Amino acid sequence: MRSEFAALGFDQELRNTFKTLRKSPQACAPYLRGTRRTRLSRYPYSVVFRELPRKIQIIAVAHAKRRPAYWANRLS
């Protein structure tokens, strides 16, 4: 059985990460194919995103140890 406590913690960390991205997306390191990436501090996940003129586009919330760059086909 999965932990509801862990799920709520993951959700809260994602929300905090998204809030940080809106404030300062360029603080995150450039990554692959015009994207940037930030890592969650308490969970083994990264948020891969693109900075567009008027918004931040989330490409993937990717597990750090599984299928690297599986999300790359989402970029056009």
N, C-alpha and C. Protein backbone atom coordinates (compact mmCIF):
# COMPACT_ATOMS: atom_id res chain seq x y z
N MET A 1 0.84 -1.18 0.00
CA MET A 1 0.00 0.00 0.00
C MET A 1 0.89 1.25 0.00
N ARG A 2 0.50 2.24 -0.74
CA ARG A 2 1.24 3.49 -0.81
C ARG A 2 0.85 4.39 0.36
N SER A 3 1.76 5.25 0.73
CA SER A 3 1.53 6.12 1.87
C SER A 3 0.81 7.40 1.46
N GLU A 4 -0.33 7.67 2.06
CA GLU A 4 -1.04 8.91 1.80
C GLU A 4 -0.22 10.11 2.29
N PHE A 5 0.50 9.93 3.37
CA PHE A 5 1.37 10.98 3.91
C PHE A 5 2.45 11.35 2.88
N ALA A 6 3.07 10.33 2.26
CA ALA A 6 4.09 10.58 1.25
C ALA A 6 3.49 11.28 0.04
N ALA A 7 2.31 10.86 -0.37
CA ALA A 7 1.65 11.48 -1.52
C ALA A 7 1.35 12.96 -1.25
N LEU A 8 0.88 13.27 -0.07
CA LEU A 8 0.59 14.66 0.28
C LEU A 8 1.88 15.48 0.34
N GLY A 9 2.94 14.88 0.86
CA GLY A 9 4.23 15.57 0.90
C GLY A 9 4.78 15.84 -0.49
N PHE A 10 4.62 14.86 -1.39
CA PHE A 10 5.06 15.02 -2.77
C PHE A 10 4.28 16.14 -3.45
N ASP A 11 2.98 16.14 -3.25
CA ASP A 11 2.13 17.18 -3.83
C ASP A 11 2.55 18.57 -3.33
N GLN A 12 2.80 18.68 -2.05
CA GLN A 12 3.20 19.98 -1.48
C GLN A 12 4.55 20.43 -2.03
N GLU A 13 5.48 19.49 -2.15
CA GLU A 13 6.78 19.87 -2.69
C GLU A 13 6.68 20.30 -4.15
N LEU A 14 5.84 19.62 -4.92
CA LEU A 14 5.62 20.04 -6.31
C LEU A 14 5.03 21.44 -6.37
N ARG A 15 4.04 21.71 -5.55
CA ARG A 15 3.42 23.04 -5.52
C ARG A 15 4.45 24.12 -5.17
N ASN A 16 5.30 23.84 -4.19
CA ASN A 16 6.34 24.80 -3.82
C ASN A 16 7.34 24.99 -4.96
N THR A 17 7.68 23.93 -5.64
CA THR A 17 8.61 24.02 -6.77
C THR A 17 8.00 24.85 -7.88
N PHE A 18 6.73 24.62 -8.20
CA PHE A 18 6.06 25.40 -9.26
C PHE A 18 6.03 26.89 -8.88
N LYS A 19 5.78 27.18 -7.62
CA LYS A 19 5.75 28.57 -7.17
C LYS A 19 7.13 29.22 -7.35
N THR A 20 8.18 28.48 -7.01
CA THR A 20 9.54 28.98 -7.19
C THR A 20 9.86 29.19 -8.66
N LEU A 21 9.43 28.28 -9.52
CA LEU A 21 9.67 28.41 -10.96
C LEU A 21 9.03 29.67 -11.52
N ARG A 22 7.82 29.97 -11.07
CA ARG A 22 7.15 31.18 -11.55
C ARG A 22 7.93 32.43 -11.19
N LYS A 23 8.56 32.43 -10.01
CA LYS A 23 9.29 33.61 -9.56
C LYS A 23 10.65 33.75 -10.24
N SER A 24 11.37 32.66 -10.41
CA SER A 24 12.73 32.75 -10.95
C SER A 24 13.12 31.51 -11.76
N PRO A 25 12.54 31.34 -12.93
CA PRO A 25 12.84 30.15 -13.73
C PRO A 25 14.30 30.08 -14.19
N GLN A 26 14.94 31.22 -14.36
CA GLN A 26 16.31 31.21 -14.86
C GLN A 26 17.32 30.80 -13.79
N ALA A 27 16.87 30.63 -12.57
CA ALA A 27 17.76 30.14 -11.52
C ALA A 27 18.05 28.65 -11.71
N CYS A 28 17.26 27.98 -12.55
CA CYS A 28 17.46 26.56 -12.82
C CYS A 28 18.42 26.38 -13.99
N ALA A 29 19.19 25.35 -13.91
CA ALA A 29 20.21 25.09 -14.93
C ALA A 29 19.60 24.68 -16.26
N PRO A 30 20.19 25.14 -17.38
CA PRO A 30 19.76 24.64 -18.68
C PRO A 30 19.94 23.12 -18.73
N TYR A 31 19.05 22.47 -19.45
CA TYR A 31 19.07 21.01 -19.51
C TYR A 31 19.14 20.58 -20.96
N LEU A 32 18.26 19.75 -21.42
CA LEU A 32 18.29 19.20 -22.78
C LEU A 32 17.29 19.90 -23.70
N ARG A 33 17.69 20.12 -24.94
CA ARG A 33 16.79 20.58 -26.00
C ARG A 33 15.98 21.82 -25.62
N GLY A 34 16.65 22.81 -25.06
CA GLY A 34 15.97 24.07 -24.74
C GLY A 34 15.16 24.05 -23.47
N THR A 35 15.35 23.05 -22.64
CA THR A 35 14.61 22.97 -21.39
C THR A 35 15.51 23.37 -20.22
N ARG A 36 14.90 23.46 -19.07
CA ARG A 36 15.61 23.65 -17.81
C ARG A 36 15.10 22.58 -16.86
N ARG A 37 15.86 22.36 -15.80
CA ARG A 37 15.48 21.31 -14.85
C ARG A 37 15.77 21.77 -13.43
N THR A 38 14.88 21.37 -12.54
CA THR A 38 15.11 21.54 -11.11
C THR A 38 14.76 20.22 -10.44
N ARG A 39 15.45 19.93 -9.38
CA ARG A 39 15.23 18.67 -8.67
C ARG A 39 14.47 18.91 -7.39
N LEU A 40 13.58 17.99 -7.07
CA LEU A 40 12.87 18.06 -5.80
C LEU A 40 13.85 17.67 -4.69
N SER A 41 13.73 18.31 -3.55
CA SER A 41 14.72 18.05 -2.50
C SER A 41 14.42 16.78 -1.70
N ARG A 42 13.16 16.43 -1.54
CA ARG A 42 12.83 15.28 -0.68
C ARG A 42 12.45 14.03 -1.45
N TYR A 43 12.30 14.13 -2.75
CA TYR A 43 11.88 13.00 -3.56
C TYR A 43 12.79 12.88 -4.77
N PRO A 44 12.99 11.67 -5.30
CA PRO A 44 13.92 11.49 -6.42
C PRO A 44 13.29 11.83 -7.77
N TYR A 45 12.81 13.06 -7.90
CA TYR A 45 12.16 13.52 -9.12
C TYR A 45 12.73 14.86 -9.54
N SER A 46 12.66 15.11 -10.84
CA SER A 46 13.03 16.40 -11.40
C SER A 46 11.82 16.97 -12.14
N VAL A 47 11.74 18.29 -12.17
CA VAL A 47 10.74 18.97 -12.99
C VAL A 47 11.48 19.55 -14.19
N VAL A 48 11.08 19.10 -15.37
CA VAL A 48 11.67 19.58 -16.62
C VAL A 48 10.67 20.56 -17.23
N PHE A 49 11.15 21.75 -17.63
CA PHE A 49 10.24 22.77 -18.11
C PHE A 49 10.90 23.63 -19.16
N ARG A 50 10.07 24.38 -19.87
CA ARG A 50 10.55 25.40 -20.79
C ARG A 50 9.98 26.74 -20.35
N GLU A 51 10.79 27.75 -20.52
CA GLU A 51 10.34 29.11 -20.25
C GLU A 51 9.87 29.71 -21.57
N LEU A 52 8.59 29.97 -21.66
CA LEU A 52 7.99 30.58 -22.86
C LEU A 52 7.77 32.06 -22.58
N PRO A 53 7.47 32.86 -23.59
CA PRO A 53 7.34 34.31 -23.37
C PRO A 53 6.40 34.72 -22.23
N ARG A 54 5.29 34.03 -22.08
CA ARG A 54 4.33 34.46 -21.06
C ARG A 54 3.97 33.39 -20.04
N LYS A 55 4.70 32.25 -20.08
CA LYS A 55 4.36 31.18 -19.14
C LYS A 55 5.52 30.19 -19.02
N ILE A 56 5.40 29.35 -18.03
CA ILE A 56 6.31 28.23 -17.83
C ILE A 56 5.56 26.99 -18.28
N GLN A 57 6.16 26.22 -19.18
CA GLN A 57 5.53 24.99 -19.67
C GLN A 57 6.23 23.80 -19.02
N ILE A 58 5.48 23.05 -18.22
CA ILE A 58 6.02 21.85 -17.58
C ILE A 58 6.01 20.74 -18.62
N ILE A 59 7.18 20.17 -18.88
CA ILE A 59 7.30 19.08 -19.85
C ILE A 59 7.15 17.74 -19.16
N ALA A 60 7.77 17.60 -17.98
CA ALA A 60 7.70 16.32 -17.27
C ALA A 60 8.04 16.51 -15.80
N VAL A 61 7.46 15.64 -15.01
CA VAL A 61 7.90 15.41 -13.64
C VAL A 61 8.48 14.01 -13.70
N ALA A 62 9.80 13.94 -13.80
CA ALA A 62 10.48 12.70 -14.16
C ALA A 62 11.25 12.10 -12.98
N HIS A 63 11.12 10.79 -12.83
CA HIS A 63 11.88 10.09 -11.81
C HIS A 63 13.36 10.15 -12.16
N ALA A 64 14.19 10.38 -11.18
CA ALA A 64 15.62 10.59 -11.43
C ALA A 64 16.35 9.33 -11.86
N LYS A 65 15.82 8.16 -11.59
CA LYS A 65 16.53 6.90 -11.88
C LYS A 65 15.87 6.05 -12.96
N ARG A 66 14.79 6.51 -13.54
CA ARG A 66 14.08 5.68 -14.51
C ARG A 66 13.95 6.37 -15.85
N ARG A 67 14.20 5.62 -16.90
CA ARG A 67 14.00 6.06 -18.28
C ARG A 67 14.42 7.51 -18.52
N PRO A 68 15.70 7.79 -18.50
CA PRO A 68 16.15 9.17 -18.70
C PRO A 68 15.67 9.74 -20.04
N ALA A 69 15.23 10.95 -20.01
CA ALA A 69 14.79 11.70 -21.19
C ALA A 69 13.63 11.05 -21.95
N TYR A 70 12.82 10.24 -21.28
CA TYR A 70 11.65 9.64 -21.93
C TYR A 70 10.70 10.70 -22.46
N TRP A 71 10.75 11.87 -21.87
CA TRP A 71 9.85 12.96 -22.18
C TRP A 71 10.26 13.75 -23.42
N ALA A 72 11.45 13.50 -23.95
CA ALA A 72 12.00 14.31 -25.04
C ALA A 72 11.11 14.33 -26.28
N ASN A 73 10.35 13.28 -26.51
CA ASN A 73 9.46 13.28 -27.68
C ASN A 73 8.28 14.22 -27.52
N ARG A 74 8.09 14.80 -26.35
CA ARG A 74 7.01 15.77 -26.12
C ARG A 74 7.36 17.15 -26.67
N LEU A 75 8.62 17.38 -26.98
CA LEU A 75 9.05 18.69 -27.48
C LEU A 75 8.82 18.76 -28.98
N SER A 76 8.31 19.90 -29.41
CA SER A 76 8.11 20.05 -30.86
C SER A 76 9.02 21.09 -31.42
